[in-house]
């Protein structure tokens, strides 16, 4: 299949001995595909977009546009159109002139007005053509900026966080317009964002980046349901996935379980194919991931229950195991409620998830000053995944939960309906669906579920 854009081991550094802003990244984008580059600030996604556009020089690797080597091509010869975060309109030109400006540059002898009018009708901005940017709202200016890109009939759109300067309501509206427009035009689109809601709603595929390294490329559903590592699992999903420190136990005379401090998840017998993979880490510390919809309040719970133990097996569905949680905080969202429970577990942390990558010089200085434990943490959390918070001591039934002052209230967030009345201090029976259980090793790589198993989120 022909690839509209192909990147082969592309890297970017700004100095001879500097850190790689983009590190050996390979990616194929098919014609007409809408691909979203998703990641925290400073992860290299905008730099990658600018290398495709020709605004940044590629240090290593190869860029192919429509199958042709394009590293050496100037931006004007790449037939791509870029939409920037800050609109980038000429303030002394009307909307009509801004949209028609690239057409006058490409074909000086042709009248750009027919294509400008067609583009304006497509975007619904016909009545704005004679206004200057200073007379337009943020959403109107972004439509004009998109019109300037569309009027050229490029082979690819490159969009660098085009909605980040707009308010939430307008972002949602323009997000739908962008999705509809790009599909009608059938133009290959590469869209950069740190907003996972945009990524999941817009992209045919989502490419998650961290620290210049490509973590995973797949459909939004697969990225959410089968994250390749703990960073992807933590970055994608609202509310953020529950990550807990655990210990896999597989006694010779008993069933396999995962200890979560004061409670355990007993794996049902016979073990599923996914859970059999955990035998390789028995006796070792792991990171357990549970999304908020993977845990539910037992149907045997009824307010105002003050004291409650684990629910009886009759209330659990096949594949569910009971635990108990103490309500610490309740977030009312209108259509749903997010309940923060204290289960006696210790959260696992993906440090600096939202932070930019530190400078190379600062990183060296911190390494020189770090303790032995920090060096181990740095080694465990390589750029492939992490870093991931290491487990500093064995987890067993005698472990105490981490102090509440150092973390968000509760260690487990559960999504439920607003008709269930809960208040602080209630002890509530919970059911964990093991079909939606994630287990990661200390390096953050996913152990369970197996790579070829996609959980059914519709159950």
Protein backbone atom coordinates (compact mmCIF):
# COMPACT_ATOMS: atom_id res chain seq x y z
CA UNK A 1 0.00 0.00 0.00
CA UNK A 2 1.23 3.48 -0.85
CA UNK A 3 2.20 5.54 2.18
CA UNK A 4 1.39 9.24 2.12
CA UNK A 5 4.00 9.96 4.81
CA UNK A 6 6.71 7.58 5.96
CA UNK A 7 9.27 8.21 8.68
CA UNK A 8 12.20 5.81 9.00
CA UNK A 9 14.35 6.01 12.17
CA UNK A 10 13.97 9.78 12.28
CA UNK A 11 15.89 11.63 15.01
CA UNK A 12 16.33 15.27 15.93
CA UNK A 13 19.04 16.94 18.03
CA UNK A 14 19.82 20.64 18.24
CA UNK A 15 23.47 20.32 19.27
CA UNK A 16 26.20 17.82 18.43
CA UNK A 17 26.11 16.19 21.89
CA UNK A 18 22.60 17.19 22.88
CA UNK A 19 19.77 14.89 23.89
CA UNK A 20 17.51 13.59 21.13
CA UNK A 21 14.28 15.55 21.00
CA UNK A 22 12.93 12.85 18.67
CA UNK A 23 14.63 9.48 18.99
CA UNK A 24 14.74 6.96 16.09
CA UNK A 25 11.04 7.23 15.32
CA UNK A 26 9.48 5.15 12.53
CA UNK A 27 5.89 5.67 11.40
CA UNK A 28 3.80 5.07 8.25
CA UNK A 29 0.70 7.16 7.52
CA UNK A 30 -1.64 5.97 4.77
CA UNK A 31 -3.38 8.29 2.25
CA UNK A 32 -6.51 9.89 3.71
CA UNK A 33 -5.73 8.78 7.26
CA UNK A 34 -6.29 11.05 10.26
CA UNK A 35 -3.36 10.36 12.60
CA UNK A 36 -3.08 12.08 15.98
CA UNK A 37 0.28 12.61 17.70
CA UNK A 38 -0.53 12.54 21.42
CA UNK A 39 1.72 13.15 24.38
CA UNK A 40 2.62 15.49 27.26
CA UNK A 41 4.24 18.86 26.70
CA UNK A 42 7.86 18.58 25.58
CA UNK A 43 7.62 15.04 24.23
CA UNK A 44 8.68 16.01 20.68
CA UNK A 45 5.35 15.80 18.85
CA UNK A 46 5.42 19.37 17.49
CA UNK A 47 9.06 18.96 16.50
CA UNK A 48 8.13 15.85 14.54
CA UNK A 49 5.33 17.74 12.79
CA UNK A 50 7.70 20.57 11.88
CA UNK A 51 10.19 18.07 10.43
CA UNK A 52 7.43 16.71 8.17
CA UNK A 53 6.62 20.28 7.10
CA UNK A 54 10.28 21.10 6.45
CA UNK A 55 10.45 23.76 9.16
CA UNK A 56 12.98 21.69 11.12
CA UNK A 57 15.92 19.82 9.66
CA UNK A 58 16.03 16.05 10.18
CA UNK A 59 19.24 15.08 12.01
CA UNK A 60 19.07 11.36 11.19
CA UNK A 61 16.73 9.08 9.29
CA UNK A 62 14.55 9.49 6.21
CA UNK A 63 11.25 11.18 5.40
CA UNK A 64 9.24 9.94 2.41
CA UNK A 65 6.30 11.91 1.00
CA UNK A 66 4.17 9.88 -1.42
CA UNK A 67 7.04 7.42 -1.67
CA UNK A 68 9.66 10.02 -2.59
CA UNK A 69 12.67 10.93 -0.43
CA UNK A 70 11.92 14.41 0.94
CA UNK A 71 14.60 15.28 3.53
CA UNK A 72 16.13 17.87 1.22
CA UNK A 73 12.92 19.48 -0.03
CA UNK A 74 12.11 23.03 1.16
CA UNK A 75 8.67 23.58 2.73
CA UNK A 76 7.28 25.17 -0.44
CA UNK A 77 7.88 21.96 -2.42
CA UNK A 78 6.34 19.48 0.01
CA UNK A 79 2.69 20.21 -0.86
CA UNK A 80 1.63 20.20 2.79
CA UNK A 81 -0.40 22.85 4.60
CA UNK A 82 0.13 23.65 8.26
CA UNK A 83 -2.38 25.06 10.74
CA UNK A 84 -0.71 26.60 13.79
CA UNK A 85 -1.83 27.00 17.39
CA UNK A 86 -1.70 30.82 17.27
CA UNK A 87 -3.70 31.29 14.01
CA UNK A 88 -0.73 33.08 12.26
CA UNK A 89 -2.87 35.45 10.18
CA UNK A 90 -1.59 38.64 8.57
CA UNK A 91 -3.23 41.44 10.62
CA UNK A 92 -3.22 43.93 7.73
CA UNK A 93 -5.08 41.59 5.38
CA UNK A 94 -8.77 40.74 5.26
CA UNK A 95 -9.93 37.17 5.66
CA UNK A 96 -10.29 36.94 1.88
CA UNK A 97 -6.70 38.06 1.36
CA UNK A 98 -5.38 35.75 4.08
CA UNK A 99 -7.08 32.72 2.51
CA UNK A 100 -5.99 33.68 -1.00
CA UNK A 101 -2.40 34.62 -0.13
CA UNK A 102 -0.84 31.15 -0.74
CA UNK A 103 -2.78 30.88 -4.01
CA UNK A 104 -1.31 34.15 -5.25
CA UNK A 105 2.18 32.90 -4.37
CA UNK A 106 1.70 29.56 -6.14
CA UNK A 107 -0.07 30.95 -9.25
CA UNK A 108 0.57 34.70 -9.59
CA UNK A 109 -1.40 34.98 -12.84
CA UNK A 110 -4.60 33.33 -11.63
CA UNK A 111 -7.55 34.90 -9.82
CA UNK A 112 -7.79 33.25 -6.36
CA UNK A 113 -11.33 34.48 -5.64
CA UNK A 114 -13.25 31.42 -6.95
CA UNK A 115 -11.29 29.01 -4.72
CA UNK A 116 -11.49 31.42 -1.79
CA UNK A 117 -15.29 31.58 -2.14
CA UNK A 118 -15.60 27.78 -2.32
CA UNK A 119 -13.41 27.41 0.77
CA UNK A 120 -15.39 30.06 2.67
CA UNK A 121 -18.68 28.30 1.92
CA UNK A 122 -17.19 25.02 3.09
CA UNK A 123 -16.25 26.60 6.43
CA UNK A 124 -19.33 28.81 6.76
CA UNK A 125 -17.36 32.07 6.87
CA UNK A 126 -18.69 33.83 3.74
CA UNK A 127 -19.79 36.84 5.81
CA UNK A 128 -16.32 37.20 7.34
CA UNK A 129 -14.30 37.56 4.15
CA UNK A 130 -14.08 41.36 4.29
CA UNK A 131 -13.13 41.56 7.97
CA UNK A 132 -9.63 41.86 9.41
CA UNK A 133 -8.30 39.38 12.00
CA UNK A 134 -8.67 41.98 14.76
CA UNK A 135 -12.41 42.04 14.10
CA UNK A 136 -12.81 38.27 14.50
CA UNK A 137 -13.24 35.97 17.51
CA UNK A 138 -10.77 33.19 18.25
CA UNK A 139 -12.94 30.55 16.59
CA UNK A 140 -13.47 32.70 13.51
CA UNK A 141 -9.74 33.35 13.17
CA UNK A 142 -9.02 29.64 13.40
CA UNK A 143 -11.57 28.96 10.66
CA UNK A 144 -9.82 31.53 8.45
CA UNK A 145 -6.46 29.88 9.20
CA UNK A 146 -7.93 26.51 8.24
CA UNK A 147 -9.37 28.06 5.08
CA UNK A 148 -5.92 29.27 4.07
CA UNK A 149 -4.64 25.69 4.39
CA UNK A 150 -7.64 24.11 2.61
CA UNK A 151 -7.60 26.50 -0.36
CA UNK A 152 -4.23 25.15 -1.51
CA UNK A 153 -5.58 21.61 -2.04
CA UNK A 154 -2.53 20.10 -0.29
CA UNK A 155 -1.68 16.42 -0.14
CA UNK A 156 -1.56 16.59 3.68
CA UNK A 157 -2.76 18.78 6.52
CA UNK A 158 -0.41 19.29 9.47
CA UNK A 159 -2.24 20.71 12.51
CA UNK A 160 -0.27 21.80 15.57
CA UNK A 161 -2.71 22.02 18.51
CA UNK A 162 -5.07 24.28 16.53
CA UNK A 163 -7.77 24.34 19.24
CA UNK A 164 -5.72 24.80 22.41
CA UNK A 165 -6.27 28.60 22.58
CA UNK A 166 -10.07 28.30 22.41
CA UNK A 167 -12.62 27.83 25.18
CA UNK A 168 -14.02 24.36 25.90
CA UNK A 169 -17.37 24.83 24.16
CA UNK A 170 -15.79 26.20 20.98
CA UNK A 171 -13.14 23.45 21.03
CA UNK A 172 -15.83 20.78 21.03
CA UNK A 173 -17.67 22.50 18.17
CA UNK A 174 -14.58 22.96 15.98
CA UNK A 175 -13.42 19.44 16.77
CA UNK A 176 -16.56 18.07 15.12
CA UNK A 177 -16.10 20.44 12.16
CA UNK A 178 -12.48 19.37 11.64
CA UNK A 179 -13.45 15.70 11.73
CA UNK A 180 -16.25 16.21 9.19
CA UNK A 181 -14.17 18.44 6.92
CA UNK A 182 -11.09 16.25 6.71
CA UNK A 183 -13.19 13.18 5.94
CA UNK A 184 -15.10 15.00 3.21
CA UNK A 185 -11.85 16.20 1.64
CA UNK A 186 -10.12 12.82 2.09
CA UNK A 187 -6.80 14.55 2.81
CA UNK A 188 -4.14 12.90 4.94
CA UNK A 189 -4.03 14.71 8.29
CA UNK A 190 -1.46 14.70 11.08
CA UNK A 191 -2.85 16.37 14.20
CA UNK A 192 -0.77 17.24 17.27
CA UNK A 193 -2.39 17.52 20.69
CA UNK A 194 -1.84 16.87 24.38
CA UNK A 195 -5.61 16.57 24.89
CA UNK A 196 -6.55 12.91 24.93
CA UNK A 197 -10.25 13.73 24.36
CA UNK A 198 -9.32 15.30 21.02
CA UNK A 199 -7.07 12.39 20.15
CA UNK A 200 -9.64 9.70 20.94
CA UNK A 201 -12.51 11.46 19.15
CA UNK A 202 -10.65 12.58 16.02
CA UNK A 203 -8.01 10.02 15.13
CA UNK A 204 -8.25 6.96 12.91
CA UNK A 205 -5.08 6.04 14.79
CA UNK A 206 -3.33 7.57 17.77
CA UNK A 207 0.46 7.70 18.14
CA UNK A 208 1.47 8.19 21.78
CA UNK A 209 4.88 9.79 22.39
CA UNK A 210 6.98 10.34 25.47
CA UNK A 211 10.44 11.86 25.69
CA UNK A 212 10.87 11.78 21.92
CA UNK A 213 10.15 8.05 21.79
CA UNK A 214 7.11 6.54 20.09
CA UNK A 215 5.30 4.41 22.68
CA UNK A 216 2.34 2.96 20.76
CA UNK A 217 0.44 3.48 17.50
CA UNK A 218 -3.02 2.00 17.15
CA UNK A 219 -6.74 2.75 16.95
CA UNK A 220 -8.17 4.79 19.84
CA UNK A 221 -10.05 1.75 21.14
CA UNK A 222 -6.96 -0.46 21.18
CA UNK A 223 -4.77 2.21 22.77
CA UNK A 224 -7.33 2.48 25.57
CA UNK A 225 -8.13 -1.22 25.98
CA UNK A 226 -4.65 -2.66 25.33
CA UNK A 227 -2.03 -0.06 26.32
CA UNK A 228 1.42 -1.33 25.49
CA UNK A 229 2.94 -0.02 28.72
CA UNK A 230 2.04 1.76 31.93
CA UNK A 231 2.75 5.23 30.52
CA UNK A 232 0.18 4.78 27.75
CA UNK A 233 -2.30 3.33 30.23
CA UNK A 234 -1.86 6.30 32.57
CA UNK A 235 -1.90 8.99 29.89
CA UNK A 236 -5.00 7.75 28.04
CA UNK A 237 -8.28 7.60 29.91
CA UNK A 238 -10.41 9.85 32.14
CA UNK A 239 -10.33 9.49 35.06
CA UNK A 240 -6.76 8.27 35.05
CA UNK A 241 -6.30 4.54 35.47
CA UNK A 242 -5.81 3.26 39.03
CA UNK A 243 -2.22 2.03 39.38
CA UNK A 244 -1.49 -0.02 42.50
CA UNK A 245 1.60 -1.75 43.82
CA UNK A 246 1.14 -5.50 43.98
CA UNK A 247 2.86 -8.81 44.59
CA UNK A 248 2.06 -12.01 42.65
CA UNK A 249 1.68 -15.03 44.91
CA UNK A 250 1.49 -18.59 43.57
CA UNK A 251 1.70 -21.09 46.48
CA UNK A 252 2.04 -24.76 45.65
CA UNK A 253 -0.98 -25.66 47.78
CA UNK A 254 -3.27 -22.77 46.87
CA UNK A 255 -4.65 -20.50 44.20
CA UNK A 256 -2.68 -17.72 42.59
CA UNK A 257 -3.41 -14.22 43.88
CA UNK A 258 -2.17 -10.65 43.62
CA UNK A 259 -1.57 -9.02 46.99
CA UNK A 260 -2.52 -5.32 47.20
CA UNK A 261 -1.33 -4.54 50.70
CA UNK A 262 -4.16 -5.39 53.11
CA UNK A 263 -6.31 -7.10 50.48
CA UNK A 264 -5.76 -9.55 47.63
CA UNK A 265 -7.23 -10.33 44.25
CA UNK A 266 -7.77 -14.10 44.15
CA UNK A 267 -7.44 -15.30 40.54
CA UNK A 268 -10.16 -17.83 39.63
CA UNK A 269 -9.26 -21.43 38.85
CA UNK A 270 -8.53 -22.72 36.31
CA UNK A 271 -6.32 -19.79 35.34
CA UNK A 272 -7.11 -18.00 32.09
CA UNK A 273 -4.41 -17.78 29.41
CA UNK A 274 -3.72 -14.18 30.44
CA UNK A 275 -3.37 -15.00 34.13
CA UNK A 276 -1.12 -17.99 33.40
CA UNK A 277 1.45 -15.51 32.09
CA UNK A 278 1.81 -14.13 35.61
CA UNK A 279 3.58 -17.32 36.73
CA UNK A 280 6.81 -15.85 35.37
CA UNK A 281 6.62 -13.02 37.95
CA UNK A 282 5.41 -15.01 40.97
CA UNK A 283 6.98 -13.62 44.12
CA UNK A 284 7.85 -10.40 42.32
CA UNK A 285 6.48 -6.91 42.62
CA UNK A 286 4.24 -5.69 39.81
CA UNK A 287 2.03 -2.72 38.95
CA UNK A 288 -1.70 -3.46 38.83
CA UNK A 289 -3.89 -1.28 36.61
CA UNK A 290 -7.66 -0.99 37.03
CA UNK A 291 -9.74 1.49 35.09
CA UNK A 292 -12.65 3.07 36.94
CA UNK A 293 -15.20 0.97 35.02
CA UNK A 294 -13.38 -2.27 35.94
CA UNK A 295 -14.60 -1.98 39.54
CA UNK A 296 -18.23 -1.69 40.62
CA UNK A 297 -20.10 -1.35 43.86
CA UNK A 298 -21.64 -4.66 44.87
CA UNK A 299 -25.40 -4.84 44.30
CA UNK A 300 -25.69 -6.09 47.89
CA UNK A 301 -24.69 -2.62 49.10
CA UNK A 302 -27.53 -0.33 50.15
CA UNK A 303 -27.24 3.04 51.85
CA UNK A 304 -27.04 3.88 54.66
CA UNK A 305 -24.78 0.86 55.26
CA UNK A 306 -22.18 1.87 57.84
CA UNK A 307 -20.32 -1.39 58.28
CA UNK A 308 -19.82 -3.89 55.49
CA UNK A 309 -17.54 -6.76 54.67
CA UNK A 310 -16.81 -8.51 51.41
CA UNK A 311 -19.98 -9.36 49.49
CA UNK A 312 -21.14 -12.94 49.21
CA UNK A 313 -20.12 -14.82 46.06
CA UNK A 314 -23.74 -14.87 44.93
CA UNK A 315 -23.62 -11.13 44.19
CA UNK A 316 -20.56 -11.40 41.94
CA UNK A 317 -20.58 -12.16 38.22
CA UNK A 318 -18.21 -14.75 36.75
CA UNK A 319 -14.69 -13.36 36.77
CA UNK A 320 -15.33 -10.84 39.55
CA UNK A 321 -13.61 -10.92 42.94
CA UNK A 322 -14.60 -8.99 46.09
CA UNK A 323 -12.67 -6.33 47.97
CA UNK A 324 -13.76 -3.62 50.40
CA UNK A 325 -13.21 0.13 50.19
CA UNK A 326 -13.62 3.04 52.57
CA UNK A 327 -15.15 6.16 50.96
CA UNK A 328 -12.75 9.11 51.18
CA UNK A 329 -14.09 11.50 48.55
CA UNK A 330 -17.09 11.73 46.22
CA UNK A 331 -17.04 13.71 42.94
CA UNK A 332 -20.48 14.45 41.54
CA UNK A 333 -20.26 14.85 37.73
CA UNK A 334 -23.99 15.08 37.00
CA UNK A 335 -24.43 12.02 34.79
CA UNK A 336 -22.04 9.96 36.91
CA UNK A 337 -20.20 9.93 40.22
CA UNK A 338 -16.50 9.26 40.79
CA UNK A 339 -15.87 7.72 44.19
CA UNK A 340 -12.38 7.69 45.75
CA UNK A 341 -11.93 4.62 47.96
CA UNK A 342 -9.20 3.70 50.39
CA UNK A 343 -8.61 -0.05 50.01
CA UNK A 344 -5.36 -0.22 51.96
CA UNK A 345 -3.38 -0.40 48.72
CA UNK A 346 -0.33 1.67 47.82
CA UNK A 347 -0.50 3.64 44.55
CA UNK A 348 2.20 3.15 41.95
CA UNK A 349 3.36 6.42 40.43
CA UNK A 350 4.40 7.38 36.90
CA UNK A 351 6.44 10.45 37.90
CA UNK A 352 6.47 13.62 35.79
CA UNK A 353 3.72 12.27 33.56
CA UNK A 354 2.77 15.76 32.45
CA UNK A 355 6.21 17.34 32.71
CA UNK A 356 8.54 18.28 29.91
CA UNK A 357 11.70 16.27 29.52
CA UNK A 358 14.52 17.85 31.59
CA UNK A 359 17.53 19.31 29.86
CA UNK A 360 20.52 17.06 29.23
CA UNK A 361 22.77 19.16 31.47
CA UNK A 362 20.28 19.20 34.35
CA UNK A 363 19.68 15.47 33.92
CA UNK A 364 23.44 14.76 34.27
CA UNK A 365 23.69 16.89 37.41
CA UNK A 366 20.73 15.13 39.01
CA UNK A 367 22.26 11.74 38.24
CA UNK A 368 25.52 12.75 39.96
CA UNK A 369 23.61 13.87 43.06
CA UNK A 370 21.15 10.97 43.16
CA UNK A 371 21.11 8.27 45.80
CA UNK A 372 21.47 4.57 45.08
CA UNK A 373 17.69 4.19 45.19
CA UNK A 374 17.23 7.01 42.65
CA UNK A 375 19.74 5.36 40.33
CA UNK A 376 17.74 2.13 40.52
CA UNK A 377 14.53 4.06 39.82
CA UNK A 378 16.17 5.70 36.79
CA UNK A 379 17.32 2.32 35.47
CA UNK A 380 13.88 0.76 35.96
CA UNK A 381 12.13 3.60 34.19
CA UNK A 382 13.82 3.70 30.80
CA UNK A 383 12.74 6.00 27.99
CA UNK A 384 10.96 3.07 26.39
CA UNK A 385 8.18 3.36 28.92
CA UNK A 386 8.67 5.21 32.14
CA UNK A 387 9.92 6.20 34.38
CA UNK A 388 7.75 4.16 36.73
CA UNK A 389 7.72 4.37 40.49
CA UNK A 390 9.57 1.33 41.84
CA UNK A 391 8.34 -0.71 44.76
CA UNK A 392 10.70 0.14 47.59
CA UNK A 393 9.64 -2.71 49.91
CA UNK A 394 7.76 -5.99 49.57
CA UNK A 395 3.98 -5.75 49.54
CA UNK A 396 2.20 -8.13 51.88
CA UNK A 397 -0.78 -8.27 54.18
CA UNK A 398 1.06 -6.32 56.90
CA UNK A 399 1.78 -3.31 54.69
CA UNK A 400 0.23 -0.01 55.67
CA UNK A 401 -1.18 2.35 53.03
CA UNK A 402 0.83 5.38 52.01
CA UNK A 403 0.11 8.53 54.06
CA UNK A 404 -2.93 10.31 52.70
CA UNK A 405 -1.16 13.67 52.95
CA UNK A 406 1.22 12.71 50.14
CA UNK A 407 -1.35 11.61 47.57
CA UNK A 408 -4.83 12.21 46.19
CA UNK A 409 -7.57 10.99 48.57
CA UNK A 410 -8.05 7.26 48.15
CA UNK A 411 -6.12 4.75 46.10
CA UNK A 412 -8.98 3.51 43.90
CA UNK A 413 -11.38 5.65 41.84
CA UNK A 414 -14.64 3.94 40.82
CA UNK A 415 -17.21 5.25 38.35
CA UNK A 416 -20.81 4.76 39.40
CA UNK A 417 -24.32 6.16 38.89
CA UNK A 418 -25.60 9.21 40.78
CA UNK A 419 -28.51 7.28 42.34
CA UNK A 420 -26.16 5.50 44.78
CA UNK A 421 -25.88 7.66 47.91
CA UNK A 422 -22.40 7.58 49.43
CA UNK A 423 -20.68 9.71 52.03
CA UNK A 424 -17.26 9.96 53.60
CA UNK A 425 -16.37 7.12 55.94
CA UNK A 426 -18.73 4.48 54.53
CA UNK A 427 -17.30 0.98 54.14
CA UNK A 428 -18.49 -0.36 50.80
CA UNK A 429 -18.19 -3.84 49.21
CA UNK A 430 -16.65 -3.69 45.73
CA UNK A 431 -16.31 -6.18 42.86
CA UNK A 432 -13.24 -6.20 40.61
CA UNK A 433 -13.68 -7.53 37.07
CA UNK A 434 -10.51 -9.53 36.39
CA UNK A 435 -11.26 -9.54 32.64
CA UNK A 436 -10.24 -5.86 32.69
CA UNK A 437 -7.20 -6.31 34.92
CA UNK A 438 -3.86 -4.92 33.71
CA UNK A 439 -0.56 -6.11 35.16
CA UNK A 440 2.73 -4.39 34.32
CA UNK A 441 6.27 -5.31 35.35
CA UNK A 442 8.55 -2.86 37.17
CA UNK A 443 9.79 -1.46 33.84
CA UNK A 444 6.20 -0.65 32.95
CA UNK A 445 5.79 -3.27 30.21
CA UNK A 446 2.40 -4.97 30.07
CA UNK A 447 2.32 -8.59 31.19
CA UNK A 448 -1.44 -9.10 31.26
CA UNK A 449 -3.59 -9.24 29.20
CA UNK A 450 -1.70 -11.04 26.48
CA UNK A 451 -0.95 -8.99 23.33
CA UNK A 452 -3.55 -10.81 21.22
CA UNK A 453 -6.40 -10.46 23.74
CA UNK A 454 -8.70 -7.43 23.54
CA UNK A 455 -11.08 -7.11 26.50
CA UNK A 456 -14.75 -6.59 25.63
CA UNK A 457 -15.48 -3.13 27.04
CA UNK A 458 -19.14 -3.34 26.07
CA UNK A 459 -19.96 -6.11 28.55
